[in-house]
Amino acid sequence: MENDWRPDAVDEDPDGLAAILDSLGQDPAVKLTDSGRALLRWLASHALSPEDTDVFDAVPPQYANLVADIARRNAAIWQELANIVERLSREAT
């Protein structure tokens, strides 16, 4: 059975994430350093899009709670990462 849901916090612009990554990749401070290129690769490999929700149809019902737990743990880590990056940005200005 196919999921007919959409996450509440999806970007309405399907190219939004690609545009953000492209913009980051154009910045010399990012594209001309090993650490900047590593950051771009990491972000691109860990980014999710609304289309990725198609894989949820493959989750066996008996593992739904485990997959949900993994998703919640990853969401908490991403939230903490966002907080840290924002704090570092404020401290740098």
Protein backbone atom coordinates (compact mmCIF):
# COMPACT_ATOMS: atom_id res chain seq x y z
CA MET A 1 0.00 0.00 0.00
CA GLU A 2 1.40 3.37 -1.01
CA ASN A 3 1.75 6.18 1.53
CA ASP A 4 -0.44 9.20 0.78
CA TRP A 5 1.21 11.50 3.27
CA ARG A 6 3.53 14.42 3.11
CA PRO A 7 5.80 15.53 5.93
CA ASP A 8 4.65 18.83 7.42
CA ALA A 9 7.99 20.54 6.98
CA VAL A 10 8.76 19.78 3.34
CA ASP A 11 10.25 22.40 1.11
CA GLU A 12 7.61 23.43 -1.43
CA ASP A 13 10.40 24.06 -3.93
CA PRO A 14 11.64 20.63 -5.03
CA ASP A 15 14.86 22.20 -6.35
CA GLY A 16 15.40 24.19 -3.14
CA LEU A 17 17.89 21.80 -1.61
CA ALA A 18 19.82 21.42 -4.85
CA ALA A 19 19.95 25.21 -5.20
CA ILE A 20 21.25 25.61 -1.64
CA LEU A 21 23.95 22.98 -2.17
CA ASP A 22 24.87 24.57 -5.51
CA SER A 23 25.10 28.00 -3.88
CA LEU A 24 27.36 26.62 -1.15
CA GLY A 25 29.46 24.93 -3.79
CA GLN A 26 30.01 28.23 -5.60
CA ASP A 27 31.50 29.89 -2.53
CA PRO A 28 35.31 29.91 -2.82
CA ALA A 29 35.64 29.37 0.94
CA VAL A 30 33.81 26.09 0.43
CA LYS A 31 34.83 24.86 -3.00
CA LEU A 32 38.52 25.68 -2.67
CA THR A 33 39.15 23.87 0.61
CA ASP A 34 39.28 20.18 1.38
CA SER A 35 37.07 20.67 4.42
CA GLY A 36 34.54 22.69 2.41
CA ARG A 37 34.32 20.03 -0.29
CA ALA A 38 33.99 17.35 2.38
CA LEU A 39 31.14 19.34 3.95
CA LEU A 40 29.34 19.55 0.59
CA ARG A 41 29.75 15.81 -0.01
CA TRP A 42 28.51 15.06 3.50
CA LEU A 43 25.48 17.34 3.20
CA ALA A 44 24.58 15.96 -0.23
CA SER A 45 24.85 12.36 0.96
CA HIS A 46 22.77 12.97 4.10
CA ALA A 47 20.10 15.20 2.62
CA LEU A 48 16.56 13.92 2.30
CA SER A 49 13.86 15.06 -0.07
CA PRO A 50 10.10 14.44 -0.14
CA GLU A 51 10.68 11.82 -2.86
CA ASP A 52 12.69 9.76 -0.39
CA THR A 53 9.50 8.90 1.48
CA ASP A 54 8.75 6.31 -1.21
CA VAL A 55 11.10 3.89 0.54
CA PHE A 56 8.84 3.83 3.60
CA ASP A 57 6.50 1.48 1.78
CA ALA A 58 9.22 -1.16 2.15
CA VAL A 59 9.26 -1.00 5.96
CA PRO A 60 7.77 -4.23 7.32
CA PRO A 61 4.99 -3.40 9.81
CA GLN A 62 6.76 -5.29 12.60
CA TYR A 63 9.72 -2.89 12.28
CA ALA A 64 7.77 0.34 11.96
CA ASN A 65 8.50 1.36 15.55
CA LEU A 66 12.22 0.70 15.12
CA VAL A 67 12.40 2.72 11.90
CA ALA A 68 10.41 5.51 13.57
CA ASP A 69 12.90 5.49 16.45
CA ILE A 70 15.82 5.78 14.03
CA ALA A 71 14.11 8.69 12.28
CA ARG A 72 13.46 10.47 15.58
CA ARG A 73 17.06 9.97 16.71
CA ASN A 74 18.36 11.35 13.42
CA ALA A 75 15.95 14.30 13.62
CA ALA A 76 17.23 15.12 17.10
CA ILE A 77 20.84 14.99 15.88
CA TRP A 78 20.03 17.25 12.91
CA GLN A 79 18.27 19.68 15.26
CA GLU A 80 21.30 19.77 17.54
CA LEU A 81 23.56 20.30 14.52
CA ALA A 82 21.39 23.24 13.43
CA ASN A 83 21.58 24.73 16.92
CA ILE A 84 25.36 24.38 17.04
CA VAL A 85 25.89 25.89 13.59
CA GLU A 86 23.60 28.82 14.40
CA ARG A 87 25.37 29.42 17.72
CA LEU A 88 28.80 29.32 16.06
CA SER A 89 27.57 31.76 13.42
CA ARG A 90 26.33 34.20 16.08
CA GLU A 91 29.61 33.93 17.98
CA ALA A 92 31.61 34.61 14.82
CA THR A 93 29.87 37.92 14.16
